[in-house]
């Protein structure tokens, strides 16, 4: 029997499969990949709450559809992606190490000189699908700071765990943490 959690996000209901992190902790798997309706609705609702910004950046990979859709709806032609590894086209790459709750090993996020030049001195909005431990957010913040961008907001569709208590994150809904039996952790 697979456990799920039903939640409403941006006016839409979705059943999230519960996934084991360890013997005591399960999380709801929120995946916007392939869900165009949810991506469009979430982007619309986040943009209603977004502070004024010049540049939008997200972390690879689950934030990409959201970043794209927010940029499209806002009428901007470019958004930035903190990549998980340097690509051949990237020049003068700088990176930050990150460990996410949904990834088994340490990863890296990086941008190149072109992205850094694009955001230098501008108001930067960081977006992601879910903020949980805040590690990916911290890594993107460090990249933006290194590039000389001015962070004006941090947004996510969902905040999970301790992230729900942070006053510096704008999000649409809280995603609870779960016990192995599917009940919400208190």
Protein backbone atom coordinates (compact mmCIF):
# COMPACT_ATOMS: atom_id res chain seq x y z
CA UNK A 1 0.00 0.00 0.00
CA UNK A 2 1.42 3.37 -0.95
CA UNK A 3 0.70 6.35 1.23
CA UNK A 4 -0.33 9.70 -0.22
CA UNK A 5 -1.19 13.15 1.09
CA UNK A 6 -3.88 15.23 -0.62
CA UNK A 7 -3.26 18.96 -0.69
CA UNK A 8 -4.57 22.03 -2.43
CA UNK A 9 -2.03 24.29 -4.15
CA UNK A 10 -2.87 27.37 -6.22
CA UNK A 11 -6.51 26.24 -6.29
CA UNK A 12 -5.68 22.73 -7.53
CA UNK A 13 -5.80 19.45 -5.61
CA UNK A 14 -2.98 16.95 -5.92
CA UNK A 15 -2.16 13.63 -4.22
CA UNK A 16 1.48 13.55 -3.18
CA UNK A 17 3.14 10.16 -2.71
CA UNK A 18 4.89 9.88 0.66
CA UNK A 19 8.56 8.94 0.36
CA UNK A 20 10.89 7.57 3.03
CA UNK A 21 13.80 9.80 4.02
CA UNK A 22 14.78 7.61 6.99
CA UNK A 23 13.10 5.25 9.50
CA UNK A 24 11.40 8.17 11.29
CA UNK A 25 10.72 10.63 8.48
CA UNK A 26 8.67 10.62 5.28
CA UNK A 27 8.10 13.57 2.98
CA UNK A 28 5.44 14.36 0.42
CA UNK A 29 6.89 14.16 -3.09
CA UNK A 30 5.87 17.38 -4.79
CA UNK A 31 6.89 17.22 -8.45
CA UNK A 32 5.82 19.85 -10.95
CA UNK A 33 7.63 18.17 -13.84
CA UNK A 34 4.98 17.30 -16.41
CA UNK A 35 2.16 19.05 -14.55
CA UNK A 36 1.60 22.09 -16.74
CA UNK A 37 -1.65 23.10 -15.04
CA UNK A 38 -0.03 23.16 -11.59
CA UNK A 39 3.09 24.96 -12.85
CA UNK A 40 1.06 27.69 -14.57
CA UNK A 41 -1.27 28.19 -11.58
CA UNK A 42 1.60 28.24 -9.07
CA UNK A 43 3.60 30.74 -11.12
CA UNK A 44 0.55 33.01 -11.39
CA UNK A 45 -0.07 32.94 -7.63
CA UNK A 46 3.61 33.51 -6.75
CA UNK A 47 3.85 36.47 -9.13
CA UNK A 48 0.92 38.09 -7.31
CA UNK A 49 3.03 38.03 -4.13
CA UNK A 50 6.45 38.72 -5.64
CA UNK A 51 8.40 41.83 -4.69
CA UNK A 52 9.70 44.02 -7.52
CA UNK A 53 12.68 42.33 -9.15
CA UNK A 54 14.91 42.53 -12.23
CA UNK A 55 16.25 38.99 -12.42
CA UNK A 56 14.77 35.63 -11.48
CA UNK A 57 17.01 32.67 -10.58
CA UNK A 58 16.24 29.07 -9.64
CA UNK A 59 18.24 25.94 -8.88
CA UNK A 60 18.43 23.02 -11.26
CA UNK A 61 16.34 21.02 -11.71
CA UNK A 62 12.85 20.99 -10.20
CA UNK A 63 12.68 24.79 -10.10
CA UNK A 64 13.24 25.13 -13.85
CA UNK A 65 9.62 24.78 -15.03
CA UNK A 66 8.53 27.24 -12.34
CA UNK A 67 11.25 29.76 -13.21
CA UNK A 68 10.41 29.50 -16.89
CA UNK A 69 6.69 29.95 -16.33
CA UNK A 70 7.14 32.87 -13.93
CA UNK A 71 9.42 34.60 -16.46
CA UNK A 72 6.95 33.90 -19.29
CA UNK A 73 3.98 35.24 -17.35
CA UNK A 74 5.96 38.29 -16.22
CA UNK A 75 6.90 39.03 -19.82
CA UNK A 76 10.64 38.71 -19.32
CA UNK A 77 12.85 37.01 -21.86
CA UNK A 78 15.49 35.57 -19.52
CA UNK A 79 15.76 33.76 -16.23
CA UNK A 80 18.82 32.18 -14.64
CA UNK A 81 19.50 28.63 -13.53
CA UNK A 82 22.09 27.63 -10.94
CA UNK A 83 23.32 24.46 -12.65
CA UNK A 84 24.33 21.22 -10.88
CA UNK A 85 27.55 21.00 -12.87
CA UNK A 86 29.57 23.21 -15.20
CA UNK A 87 28.59 22.93 -18.87
CA UNK A 88 30.89 23.34 -21.87
CA UNK A 89 29.39 26.71 -22.77
CA UNK A 90 30.01 28.13 -19.29
CA UNK A 91 33.04 30.38 -18.81
CA UNK A 92 34.63 31.44 -15.51
CA UNK A 93 32.38 29.17 -13.45
CA UNK A 94 31.99 29.64 -9.72
CA UNK A 95 30.22 27.13 -7.51
CA UNK A 96 28.86 26.35 -4.06
CA UNK A 97 28.41 22.96 -2.39
CA UNK A 98 24.91 21.93 -1.31
CA UNK A 99 23.25 18.94 0.33
CA UNK A 100 19.48 18.64 -0.17
CA UNK A 101 17.05 16.50 1.83
CA UNK A 102 15.94 14.79 -1.41
CA UNK A 103 19.47 13.97 -2.64
CA UNK A 104 21.66 11.25 -1.16
CA UNK A 105 25.01 12.93 -1.75
CA UNK A 106 26.58 16.34 -1.69
CA UNK A 107 26.03 18.33 -4.86
CA UNK A 108 27.20 21.57 -6.39
CA UNK A 109 25.37 24.55 -7.82
CA UNK A 110 27.17 26.87 -10.22
CA UNK A 111 26.77 29.85 -12.49
CA UNK A 112 29.13 31.39 -14.98
CA UNK A 113 30.45 34.86 -15.66
CA UNK A 114 27.66 35.73 -18.13
CA UNK A 115 24.99 35.02 -15.50
CA UNK A 116 26.97 36.88 -12.85
CA UNK A 117 27.33 39.90 -15.14
CA UNK A 118 23.61 39.79 -15.93
CA UNK A 119 22.57 39.97 -12.26
CA UNK A 120 25.30 42.27 -10.89
CA UNK A 121 23.70 45.27 -9.20
CA UNK A 122 20.18 44.08 -9.99
CA UNK A 123 17.27 43.04 -7.77
CA UNK A 124 17.25 39.24 -7.73
CA UNK A 125 14.30 36.99 -6.89
CA UNK A 126 15.15 33.40 -5.94
CA UNK A 127 12.42 30.83 -6.66
CA UNK A 128 12.10 27.09 -6.10
CA UNK A 129 9.43 24.43 -5.98
CA UNK A 130 9.90 23.45 -2.31
CA UNK A 131 12.06 24.93 0.42
CA UNK A 132 12.73 22.47 3.24
CA UNK A 133 16.11 22.52 4.92
CA UNK A 134 17.03 25.72 3.07
CA UNK A 135 20.32 24.27 1.82
CA UNK A 136 19.60 24.81 -1.88
CA UNK A 137 18.32 28.30 -1.10
CA UNK A 138 21.48 29.07 0.88
CA UNK A 139 23.65 27.91 -2.02
CA UNK A 140 21.78 30.06 -4.56
CA UNK A 141 21.94 33.04 -2.17
CA UNK A 142 25.71 32.60 -1.96
CA UNK A 143 26.02 32.52 -5.77
CA UNK A 144 23.88 35.66 -6.12
CA UNK A 145 25.96 37.43 -3.48
CA UNK A 146 29.23 36.38 -5.15
CA UNK A 147 27.88 37.74 -8.44
CA UNK A 148 26.98 41.09 -6.87
CA UNK A 149 23.21 40.69 -7.12
CA UNK A 150 20.85 42.13 -4.51
CA UNK A 151 18.43 39.52 -3.17
CA UNK A 152 14.95 41.04 -2.85
CA UNK A 153 12.94 37.87 -2.28
CA UNK A 154 12.89 34.13 -1.73
CA UNK A 155 9.83 32.27 -3.00
CA UNK A 156 8.60 28.70 -3.25
CA UNK A 157 5.40 26.93 -4.05
CA UNK A 158 5.69 24.98 -0.79
CA UNK A 159 7.57 25.38 2.49
CA UNK A 160 8.29 22.19 4.42
CA UNK A 161 9.41 21.54 7.97
CA UNK A 162 11.37 24.34 9.63
CA UNK A 163 11.12 26.48 6.48
CA UNK A 164 7.48 27.20 7.37
CA UNK A 165 8.72 29.21 10.36
CA UNK A 166 11.10 31.41 8.36
CA UNK A 167 9.88 34.94 7.92
CA UNK A 168 12.02 35.58 4.85
CA UNK A 169 10.31 33.08 2.52
CA UNK A 170 7.15 33.75 0.55
CA UNK A 171 5.29 30.53 -0.23
CA UNK A 172 1.84 29.35 -1.23
CA UNK A 173 1.28 26.40 1.11
CA UNK A 174 2.83 24.46 3.98
CA UNK A 175 3.85 20.88 3.27
CA UNK A 176 3.92 18.86 6.48
CA UNK A 177 6.46 16.20 7.38
CA UNK A 178 5.15 12.68 7.96
CA UNK A 179 5.59 9.68 10.23
CA UNK A 180 6.17 6.24 8.63
CA UNK A 181 2.45 5.45 9.01
CA UNK A 182 1.48 8.51 6.96
CA UNK A 183 0.32 10.67 9.87
CA UNK A 184 1.54 14.24 10.07
CA UNK A 185 4.50 14.81 12.37
CA UNK A 186 3.71 17.13 15.26
